[in-house]
Amino acid sequence: MKDSELLTYLSTLFKQGVYWDVEKKVKYIEFAKEQILTLKDRLEELVLAAKTQLDIQSIIFNVSKNGGYLKSVSTLYSENDEVLAWHVLVSK
């Protein structure tokens, strides 16, 4: 929630929007709604693309089973020490 703009949209609407006419409020709400839907779509794409450690192991296994080899694997961690991404480099 902290990285989304939702709180900014709400804050703008309630701090500045109280002085707007209804038409401008409706336009702003529609704009915010579109932005939030875009964020939702992007997050769904990220969830579908997410891989577990077992998925990465399976990919590496299949690469080596098909004549490739693992050159390197590195892990990107968040500030909270959570895995954000793996960088897997393979060659044939």
PDB file of N, CA and C in Angstrom:
ATOM      1  N   MET A   1       0.828  -1.187   0.000  1.00  0.00           N
ATOM      2  CA  MET A   1       0.000   0.000   0.000  1.00  0.00           C
ATOM      3  C   MET A   1       0.871   1.249   0.000  1.00  0.00           C
ATOM      4  N   LYS A   2       2.005   1.192   0.698  1.00  0.00           N
ATOM      5  CA  LYS A   2       2.825   2.386   0.809  1.00  0.00           C
ATOM      6  C   LYS A   2       3.415   2.816  -0.541  1.00  0.00           C
ATOM      7  N   ASP A   3       3.669   1.848  -1.437  1.00  0.00           N
ATOM      8  CA  ASP A   3       4.249   2.183  -2.731  1.00  0.00           C
ATOM      9  C   ASP A   3       3.213   2.564  -3.777  1.00  0.00           C
ATOM     10  N   SER A   4       1.942   2.370  -3.484  1.00  0.00           N
ATOM     11  CA  SER A   4       0.912   2.736  -4.453  1.00  0.00           C
ATOM     12  C   SER A   4       0.540   4.204  -4.269  1.00  0.00           C
ATOM     13  N   GLU A   5      -0.141   4.720  -5.248  1.00  0.00           N
ATOM     14  CA  GLU A   5      -0.568   6.120  -5.200  1.00  0.00           C
ATOM     15  C   GLU A   5      -1.953   6.283  -4.581  1.00  0.00           C
ATOM     16  N   LEU A   6      -2.546   5.184  -4.139  1.00  0.00           N
ATOM     17  CA  LEU A   6      -3.910   5.228  -3.615  1.00  0.00           C
ATOM     18  C   LEU A   6      -4.064   6.270  -2.511  1.00  0.00           C
ATOM     19  N   LEU A   7      -3.142   6.274  -1.567  1.00  0.00           N
ATOM     20  CA  LEU A   7      -3.246   7.234  -0.466  1.00  0.00           C
ATOM     21  C   LEU A   7      -3.092   8.668  -0.958  1.00  0.00           C
ATOM     22  N   THR A   8      -2.262   8.877  -1.961  1.00  0.00           N
ATOM     23  CA  THR A   8      -2.107  10.218  -2.539  1.00  0.00           C
ATOM     24  C   THR A   8      -3.400  10.658  -3.204  1.00  0.00           C
ATOM     25  N   TYR A   9      -4.037   9.744  -3.943  1.00  0.00           N
ATOM     26  CA  TYR A   9      -5.301  10.077  -4.600  1.00  0.00           C
ATOM     27  C   TYR A   9      -6.360  10.449  -3.572  1.00  0.00           C
ATOM     28  N   LEU A  10      -6.441   9.657  -2.519  1.00  0.00           N
ATOM     29  CA  LEU A  10      -7.426   9.941  -1.472  1.00  0.00           C
ATOM     30  C   LEU A  10      -7.134  11.265  -0.779  1.00  0.00           C
ATOM     31  N   SER A  11      -5.874  11.494  -0.480  1.00  0.00           N
ATOM     32  CA  SER A  11      -5.482  12.733   0.183  1.00  0.00           C
ATOM     33  C   SER A  11      -5.820  13.944  -0.681  1.00  0.00           C
ATOM     34  N   THR A  12      -5.505  13.869  -1.959  1.00  0.00           N
ATOM     35  CA  THR A  12      -5.814  14.971  -2.877  1.00  0.00           C
ATOM     36  C   THR A  12      -7.311  15.215  -2.936  1.00  0.00           C
ATOM     37  N   LEU A  13      -8.066  14.137  -3.035  1.00  0.00           N
ATOM     38  CA  LEU A  13      -9.518  14.272  -3.132  1.00  0.00           C
ATOM     39  C   LEU A  13     -10.100  14.943  -1.887  1.00  0.00           C
ATOM     40  N   PHE A  14      -9.626  14.555  -0.725  1.00  0.00           N
ATOM     41  CA  PHE A  14     -10.214  15.096   0.504  1.00  0.00           C
ATOM     42  C   PHE A  14      -9.613  16.436   0.941  1.00  0.00           C
ATOM     43  N   LYS A  15      -8.387  16.723   0.501  1.00  0.00           N
ATOM     44  CA  LYS A  15      -7.791  18.014   0.875  1.00  0.00           C
ATOM     45  C   LYS A  15      -8.122  19.107  -0.139  1.00  0.00           C
ATOM     46  N   GLN A  16      -7.947  18.788  -1.427  1.00  0.00           N
ATOM     47  CA  GLN A  16      -8.184  19.785  -2.467  1.00  0.00           C
ATOM     48  C   GLN A  16      -9.572  19.631  -3.089  1.00  0.00           C
ATOM     49  N   GLY A  17     -10.007  18.375  -3.196  1.00  0.00           N
ATOM     50  CA  GLY A  17     -11.250  18.076  -3.890  1.00  0.00           C
ATOM     51  C   GLY A  17     -12.494  18.653  -3.245  1.00  0.00           C
ATOM     52  N   VAL A  18     -12.426  18.973  -1.955  1.00  0.00           N
ATOM     53  CA  VAL A  18     -13.607  19.542  -1.302  1.00  0.00           C
ATOM     54  C   VAL A  18     -14.000  20.880  -1.909  1.00  0.00           C
ATOM     55  N   TYR A  19     -13.060  21.530  -2.575  1.00  0.00           N
ATOM     56  CA  TYR A  19     -13.317  22.837  -3.195  1.00  0.00           C
ATOM     57  C   TYR A  19     -13.673  22.725  -4.679  1.00  0.00           C
ATOM     58  N   TRP A  20     -13.600  21.534  -5.235  1.00  0.00           N
ATOM     59  CA  TRP A  20     -13.887  21.329  -6.646  1.00  0.00           C
ATOM     60  C   TRP A  20     -15.385  21.192  -6.881  1.00  0.00           C
ATOM     61  N   ASP A  21     -15.792  21.486  -8.113  1.00  0.00           N
ATOM     62  CA  ASP A  21     -17.195  21.223  -8.462  1.00  0.00           C
ATOM     63  C   ASP A  21     -17.354  19.722  -8.716  1.00  0.00           C
ATOM     64  N   VAL A  22     -18.586  19.282  -8.785  1.00  0.00           N
ATOM     65  CA  VAL A  22     -18.882  17.849  -8.903  1.00  0.00           C
ATOM     66  C   VAL A  22     -18.241  17.244 -10.149  1.00  0.00           C
ATOM     67  N   GLU A  23     -18.285  17.968 -11.255  1.00  0.00           N
ATOM     68  CA  GLU A  23     -17.724  17.445 -12.504  1.00  0.00           C
ATOM     69  C   GLU A  23     -16.222  17.166 -12.365  1.00  0.00           C
ATOM     70  N   LYS A  24     -15.501  18.085 -11.751  1.00  0.00           N
ATOM     71  CA  LYS A  24     -14.064  17.884 -11.565  1.00  0.00           C
ATOM     72  C   LYS A  24     -13.795  16.721 -10.611  1.00  0.00           C
ATOM     73  N   LYS A  25     -14.608  16.581  -9.573  1.00  0.00           N
ATOM     74  CA  LYS A  25     -14.456  15.458  -8.642  1.00  0.00           C
ATOM     75  C   LYS A  25     -14.663  14.133  -9.361  1.00  0.00           C
ATOM     76  N   VAL A  26     -15.702  14.076 -10.187  1.00  0.00           N
ATOM     77  CA  VAL A  26     -15.992  12.844 -10.932  1.00  0.00           C
ATOM     78  C   VAL A  26     -14.836  12.518 -11.876  1.00  0.00           C
ATOM     79  N   LYS A  27     -14.302  13.514 -12.587  1.00  0.00           N
ATOM     80  CA  LYS A  27     -13.163  13.293 -13.493  1.00  0.00           C
ATOM     81  C   LYS A  27     -11.953  12.789 -12.727  1.00  0.00           C
ATOM     82  N   TYR A  28     -11.704  13.374 -11.569  1.00  0.00           N
ATOM     83  CA  TYR A  28     -10.552  12.969 -10.766  1.00  0.00           C
ATOM     84  C   TYR A  28     -10.724  11.539 -10.253  1.00  0.00           C
ATOM     85  N   ILE A  29     -11.925  11.212  -9.816  1.00  0.00           N
ATOM     86  CA  ILE A  29     -12.186   9.853  -9.335  1.00  0.00           C
ATOM     87  C   ILE A  29     -12.007   8.850 -10.470  1.00  0.00           C
ATOM     88  N   GLU A  30     -12.469   9.184 -11.663  1.00  0.00           N
ATOM     89  CA  GLU A  30     -12.277   8.304 -12.823  1.00  0.00           C
ATOM     90  C   GLU A  30     -10.795   8.139 -13.145  1.00  0.00           C
ATOM     91  N   PHE A  31     -10.038   9.246 -13.082  1.00  0.00           N
ATOM     92  CA  PHE A  31      -8.593   9.187 -13.304  1.00  0.00           C
ATOM     93  C   PHE A  31      -7.938   8.265 -12.275  1.00  0.00           C
ATOM     94  N   ALA A  32      -8.257   8.462 -11.006  1.00  0.00           N
ATOM     95  CA  ALA A  32      -7.673   7.647  -9.938  1.00  0.00           C
ATOM     96  C   ALA A  32      -8.055   6.179 -10.105  1.00  0.00           C
ATOM     97  N   LYS A  33      -9.295   5.938 -10.495  1.00  0.00           N
ATOM     98  CA  LYS A  33      -9.769   4.578 -10.708  1.00  0.00           C
ATOM     99  C   LYS A  33      -8.964   3.888 -11.809  1.00  0.00           C
ATOM    100  N   GLU A  34      -8.728   4.597 -12.911  1.00  0.00           N
ATOM    101  CA  GLU A  34      -7.926   4.029 -14.006  1.00  0.00           C
ATOM    102  C   GLU A  34      -6.505   3.724 -13.561  1.00  0.00           C
ATOM    103  N   GLN A  35      -5.924   4.618 -12.788  1.00  0.00           N
ATOM    104  CA  GLN A  35      -4.567   4.403 -12.286  1.00  0.00           C
ATOM    105  C   GLN A  35      -4.505   3.185 -11.375  1.00  0.00           C
ATOM    106  N   ILE A  36      -5.489   3.040 -10.530  1.00  0.00           N
ATOM    107  CA  ILE A  36      -5.535   1.911  -9.603  1.00  0.00           C
ATOM    108  C   ILE A  36      -5.748   0.601 -10.364  1.00  0.00           C
ATOM    109  N   LEU A  37      -6.602   0.611 -11.372  1.00  0.00           N
ATOM    110  CA  LEU A  37      -6.816  -0.586 -12.184  1.00  0.00           C
ATOM    111  C   LEU A  37      -5.543  -0.975 -12.941  1.00  0.00           C
ATOM    112  N   THR A  38      -4.798   0.019 -13.407  1.00  0.00           N
ATOM    113  CA  THR A  38      -3.524  -0.249 -14.074  1.00  0.00           C
ATOM    114  C   THR A  38      -2.545  -0.889 -13.099  1.00  0.00           C
ATOM    115  N   LEU A  39      -2.485  -0.357 -11.887  1.00  0.00           N
ATOM    116  CA  LEU A  39      -1.624  -0.938 -10.855  1.00  0.00           C
ATOM    117  C   LEU A  39      -2.048  -2.373 -10.544  1.00  0.00           C
ATOM    118  N   LYS A  40      -3.340  -2.603 -10.443  1.00  0.00           N
ATOM    119  CA  LYS A  40      -3.851  -3.952 -10.174  1.00  0.00           C
ATOM    120  C   LYS A  40      -3.412  -4.913 -11.277  1.00  0.00           C
ATOM    121  N   ASP A  41      -3.544  -4.496 -12.536  1.00  0.00           N
ATOM    122  CA  ASP A  41      -3.127  -5.339 -13.657  1.00  0.00           C
ATOM    123  C   ASP A  41      -1.635  -5.647 -13.586  1.00  0.00           C
ATOM    124  N   ARG A  42      -0.845  -4.644 -13.269  1.00  0.00           N
ATOM    125  CA  ARG A  42       0.612  -4.828 -13.177  1.00  0.00           C
ATOM    126  C   ARG A  42       0.965  -5.792 -12.049  1.00  0.00           C
ATOM    127  N   LEU A  43       0.303  -5.654 -10.921  1.00  0.00           N
ATOM    128  CA  LEU A  43       0.569  -6.561  -9.800  1.00  0.00           C
ATOM    129  C   LEU A  43       0.161  -7.992 -10.139  1.00  0.00           C
ATOM    130  N   GLU A  44      -0.943  -8.147 -10.872  1.00  0.00           N
ATOM    131  CA  GLU A  44      -1.357  -9.485 -11.305  1.00  0.00           C
ATOM    132  C   GLU A  44      -0.324 -10.092 -12.246  1.00  0.00           C
ATOM    133  N   GLU A  45       0.241  -9.279 -13.143  1.00  0.00           N
ATOM    134  CA  GLU A  45       1.298  -9.760 -14.034  1.00  0.00           C
ATOM    135  C   GLU A  45       2.518 -10.213 -13.240  1.00  0.00           C
ATOM    136  N   LEU A  46       2.881  -9.450 -12.228  1.00  0.00           N
ATOM    137  CA  LEU A  46       4.033  -9.810 -11.400  1.00  0.00           C
ATOM    138  C   LEU A  46       3.789 -11.104 -10.636  1.00  0.00           C
ATOM    139  N   VAL A  47       2.583 -11.272 -10.138  1.00  0.00           N
ATOM    140  CA  VAL A  47       2.251 -12.507  -9.419  1.00  0.00           C
ATOM    141  C   VAL A  47       2.352 -13.701 -10.367  1.00  0.00           C
ATOM    142  N   LEU A  48       1.829 -13.555 -11.581  1.00  0.00           N
ATOM    143  CA  LEU A  48       1.886 -14.657 -12.548  1.00  0.00           C
ATOM    144  C   LEU A  48       3.316 -14.969 -12.977  1.00  0.00           C
ATOM    145  N   ALA A  49       4.177 -13.973 -12.983  1.00  0.00           N
ATOM    146  CA  ALA A  49       5.567 -14.171 -13.394  1.00  0.00           C
ATOM    147  C   ALA A  49       6.459 -14.642 -12.247  1.00  0.00           C
ATOM    148  N   ALA A  50       5.965 -14.569 -11.033  1.00  0.00           N
ATOM    149  CA  ALA A  50       6.779 -14.917  -9.863  1.00  0.00           C
ATOM    150  C   ALA A  50       7.177 -16.390  -9.898  1.00  0.00           C
ATOM    151  N   LYS A  51       8.395 -16.639  -9.466  1.00  0.00           N
ATOM    152  CA  LYS A  51       8.921 -17.999  -9.414  1.00  0.00           C
ATOM    153  C   LYS A  51       9.418 -18.291  -8.011  1.00  0.00           C
ATOM    154  N   THR A  52       9.160 -19.507  -7.567  1.00  0.00           N
ATOM    155  CA  THR A  52       9.660 -19.943  -6.264  1.00  0.00           C
ATOM    156  C   THR A  52      11.072 -20.500  -6.440  1.00  0.00           C
ATOM    157  N   GLN A  53      11.706 -20.784  -5.332  1.00  0.00           N
ATOM    158  CA  GLN A  53      13.032 -21.392  -5.391  1.00  0.00           C
ATOM    159  C   GLN A  53      12.958 -22.757  -6.084  1.00  0.00           C
ATOM    160  N   LEU A  54      11.881 -23.489  -5.850  1.00  0.00           N
ATOM    161  CA  LEU A  54      11.698 -24.782  -6.530  1.00  0.00           C
ATOM    162  C   LEU A  54      11.543 -24.602  -8.038  1.00  0.00           C
ATOM    163  N   ASP A  55      10.848 -23.538  -8.459  1.00  0.00           N
ATOM    164  CA  ASP A  55      10.716 -23.249  -9.891  1.00  0.00           C
ATOM    165  C   ASP A  55      12.090 -22.998 -10.514  1.00  0.00           C
ATOM    166  N   ILE A  56      12.909 -22.221  -9.807  1.00  0.00           N
ATOM    167  CA  ILE A  56      14.258 -21.910 -10.312  1.00  0.00           C
ATOM    168  C   ILE A  56      15.082 -23.187 -10.414  1.00  0.00           C
ATOM    169  N   GLN A  57      14.992 -24.044  -9.407  1.00  0.00           N
ATOM    170  CA  GLN A  57      15.714 -25.318  -9.447  1.00  0.00           C
ATOM    171  C   GLN A  57      15.259 -26.172 -10.620  1.00  0.00           C
ATOM    172  N   SER A  58      13.967 -26.169 -10.877  1.00  0.00           N
ATOM    173  CA  SER A  58      13.420 -26.942 -11.994  1.00  0.00           C
ATOM    174  C   SER A  58      13.921 -26.396 -13.335  1.00  0.00           C
ATOM    175  N   ILE A  59      13.965 -25.091 -13.460  1.00  0.00           N
ATOM    176  CA  ILE A  59      14.481 -24.470 -14.687  1.00  0.00           C
ATOM    177  C   ILE A  59      15.936 -24.879 -14.902  1.00  0.00           C
ATOM    178  N   ILE A  60      16.734 -24.783 -13.838  1.00  0.00           N
ATOM    179  CA  ILE A  60      18.153 -25.145 -13.940  1.00  0.00           C
ATOM    180  C   ILE A  60      18.300 -26.621 -14.306  1.00  0.00           C
ATOM    181  N   PHE A  61      17.496 -27.485 -13.685  1.00  0.00           N
ATOM    182  CA  PHE A  61      17.530 -28.915 -13.988  1.00  0.00           C
ATOM    183  C   PHE A  61      17.210 -29.160 -15.455  1.00  0.00           C
ATOM    184  N   ASN A  62      16.148 -28.506 -15.967  1.00  0.00           N
ATOM    185  CA  ASN A  62      15.758 -28.701 -17.372  1.00  0.00           C
ATOM    186  C   ASN A  62      16.807 -28.162 -18.335  1.00  0.00           C
ATOM    187  N   VAL A  63      17.440 -27.068 -17.977  1.00  0.00           N
ATOM    188  CA  VAL A  63      18.516 -26.543 -18.825  1.00  0.00           C
ATOM    189  C   VAL A  63      19.636 -27.560 -18.911  1.00  0.00           C
ATOM    190  N   SER A  64      20.046 -28.113 -17.765  1.00  0.00           N
ATOM    191  CA  SER A  64      21.161 -29.053 -17.785  1.00  0.00           C
ATOM    192  C   SER A  64      20.761 -30.372 -18.443  1.00  0.00           C
ATOM    193  N   LYS A  65      19.502 -30.772 -18.297  1.00  0.00           N
ATOM    194  CA  LYS A  65      19.010 -31.987 -18.946  1.00  0.00           C
ATOM    195  C   LYS A  65      19.043 -31.840 -20.467  1.00  0.00           C
ATOM    196  N   ASN A  66      18.951 -30.614 -20.952  1.00  0.00           N
ATOM    197  CA  ASN A  66      18.927 -30.367 -22.399  1.00  0.00           C
ATOM    198  C   ASN A  66      20.253 -29.833 -22.927  1.00  0.00           C
ATOM    199  N   GLY A  67      21.333 -30.120 -22.225  1.00  0.00           N
ATOM    200  CA  GLY A  67      22.664 -29.790 -22.727  1.00  0.00           C
ATOM    201  C   GLY A  67      23.196 -28.429 -22.332  1.00  0.00           C
ATOM    202  N   GLY A  68      22.492 -27.707 -21.532  1.00  0.00           N
ATOM    203  CA  GLY A  68      22.987 -26.414 -21.074  1.00  0.00           C
ATOM    204  C   GLY A  68      23.657 -26.553 -19.731  1.00  0.00           C
ATOM    205  N   TYR A  69      24.243 -25.463 -19.286  1.00  0.00           N
ATOM    206  CA  TYR A  69      24.845 -25.498 -17.959  1.00  0.00           C
ATOM    207  C   TYR A  69      24.652 -24.147 -17.274  1.00  0.00           C
ATOM    208  N   LEU A  70      24.657 -24.218 -15.993  1.00  0.00           N
ATOM    209  CA  LEU A  70      24.468 -23.036 -15.162  1.00  0.00           C
ATOM    210  C   LEU A  70      25.778 -22.275 -15.052  1.00  0.00           C
ATOM    211  N   LYS A  71      25.753 -21.003 -15.421  1.00  0.00           N
ATOM    212  CA  LYS A  71      26.949 -20.171 -15.266  1.00  0.00           C
ATOM    213  C   LYS A  71      26.945 -19.453 -13.920  1.00  0.00           C
ATOM    214  N   SER A  72      25.787 -18.943 -13.529  1.00  0.00           N
ATOM    215  CA  SER A  72      25.708 -18.269 -12.225  1.00  0.00           C
ATOM    216  C   SER A  72      24.253 -18.079 -11.816  1.00  0.00           C
ATOM    217  N   VAL A  73      24.072 -17.920 -10.512  1.00  0.00           N
ATOM    218  CA  VAL A  73      22.773 -17.581  -9.939  1.00  0.00           C
ATOM    219  C   VAL A  73      23.033 -16.534  -8.871  1.00  0.00           C
ATOM    220  N   SER A  74      22.291 -15.443  -8.926  1.00  0.00           N
ATOM    221  CA  SER A  74      22.390 -14.445  -7.858  1.00  0.00           C
ATOM    222  C   SER A  74      20.979 -14.058  -7.436  1.00  0.00           C
ATOM    223  N   THR A  75      20.867 -13.627  -6.208  1.00  0.00           N
ATOM    224  CA  THR A  75      19.566 -13.308  -5.631  1.00  0.00           C
ATOM    225  C   THR A  75      19.528 -11.844  -5.245  1.00  0.00           C
ATOM    226  N   LEU A  76      18.429 -11.189  -5.571  1.00  0.00           N
ATOM    227  CA  LEU A  76      18.207  -9.797  -5.183  1.00  0.00           C
ATOM    228  C   LEU A  76      17.253  -9.796  -3.999  1.00  0.00           C
ATOM    229  N   TYR A  77      17.679  -9.133  -2.909  1.00  0.00           N
ATOM    230  CA  TYR A  77      16.881  -9.088  -1.684  1.00  0.00           C
ATOM    231  C   TYR A  77      16.351  -7.678  -1.432  1.00  0.00           C
ATOM    232  N   SER A  78      15.221  -7.601  -0.757  1.00  0.00           N
ATOM    233  CA  SER A  78      14.656  -6.321  -0.339  1.00  0.00           C
ATOM    234  C   SER A  78      15.371  -5.841   0.916  1.00  0.00           C
ATOM    235  N   GLU A  79      15.008  -4.657   1.359  1.00  0.00           N
ATOM    236  CA  GLU A  79      15.566  -4.130   2.602  1.00  0.00           C
ATOM    237  C   GLU A  79      15.182  -5.000   3.788  1.00  0.00           C
ATOM    238  N   ASN A  80      14.074  -5.724   3.660  1.00  0.00           N
ATOM    239  CA  ASN A  80      13.592  -6.616   4.728  1.00  0.00           C
ATOM    240  C   ASN A  80      14.114  -8.037   4.556  1.00  0.00           C
ATOM    241  N   ASP A  81      15.112  -8.201   3.699  1.00  0.00           N
ATOM    242  CA  ASP A  81      15.731  -9.499   3.450  1.00  0.00           C
ATOM    243  C   ASP A  81      14.776 -10.502   2.800  1.00  0.00           C
ATOM    244  N   GLU A  82      13.828 -10.007   2.033  1.00  0.00           N
ATOM    245  CA  GLU A  82      12.926 -10.871   1.281  1.00  0.00           C
ATOM    246  C   GLU A  82      13.456 -11.009  -0.140  1.00  0.00           C
ATOM    247  N   VAL A  83      13.296 -12.181  -0.722  1.00  0.00           N
ATOM    248  CA  VAL A  83      13.746 -12.401  -2.093  1.00  0.00           C
ATOM    249  C   VAL A  83      12.858 -11.617  -3.052  1.00  0.00           C
ATOM    250  N   LEU A  84      13.489 -10.761  -3.856  1.00  0.00           N
ATOM    251  CA  LEU A  84      12.759 -10.006  -4.877  1.00  0.00           C
ATOM    252  C   LEU A  84      12.899 -10.638  -6.251  1.00  0.00           C
ATOM    253  N   ALA A  85      14.096 -11.176  -6.517  1.00  0.00           N
ATOM    254  CA  ALA A  85      14.342 -11.729  -7.847  1.00  0.00           C
ATOM    255  C   ALA A  85      15.563 -12.628  -7.832  1.00  0.00           C
ATOM    256  N   TRP A  86      15.614 -13.488  -8.835  1.00  0.00           N
ATOM    257  CA  TRP A  86      16.807 -14.292  -9.088  1.00  0.00           C
ATOM    258  C   TRP A  86      17.323 -13.917 -10.464  1.00  0.00           C
ATOM    259  N   HIS A  87      18.627 -13.875 -10.571  1.00  0.00           N
ATOM    260  CA  HIS A  87      19.268 -13.678 -11.871  1.00  0.00           C
ATOM    261  C   HIS A  87      19.966 -15.000 -12.176  1.00  0.00           C
ATOM    262  N   VAL A  88      19.448 -15.710 -13.172  1.00  0.00           N
ATOM    263  CA  VAL A  88      19.983 -17.006 -13.528  1.00  0.00           C
ATOM    264  C   VAL A  88      20.625 -16.889 -14.897  1.00  0.00           C
ATOM    265  N   LEU A  89      21.889 -17.219 -14.979  1.00  0.00           N
ATOM    266  CA  LEU A  89      22.621 -17.156 -16.239  1.00  0.00           C
ATOM    267  C   LEU A  89      23.015 -18.571 -16.649  1.00  0.00           C
ATOM    268  N   VAL A  90      22.509 -18.979 -17.808  1.00  0.00           N
ATOM    269  CA  VAL A  90      22.805 -20.312 -18.317  1.00  0.00           C
ATOM    270  C   VAL A  90      23.430 -20.190 -19.702  1.00  0.00           C
ATOM    271  N   SER A  91      24.085 -21.244 -20.110  1.00  0.00           N
ATOM    272  CA  SER A  91      24.717 -21.267 -21.429  1.00  0.00           C
ATOM    273  C   SER A  91      24.581 -22.669 -21.995  1.00  0.00           C
ATOM    274  N   LYS A  92      24.815 -22.760 -23.285  1.00  0.00           N
ATOM    275  CA  LYS A  92      24.752 -24.078 -23.930  1.00  0.00           C
ATOM    276  C   LYS A  92      26.029 -24.346 -24.653  1.00  0.00           C
TER     277      LYS A  92
END
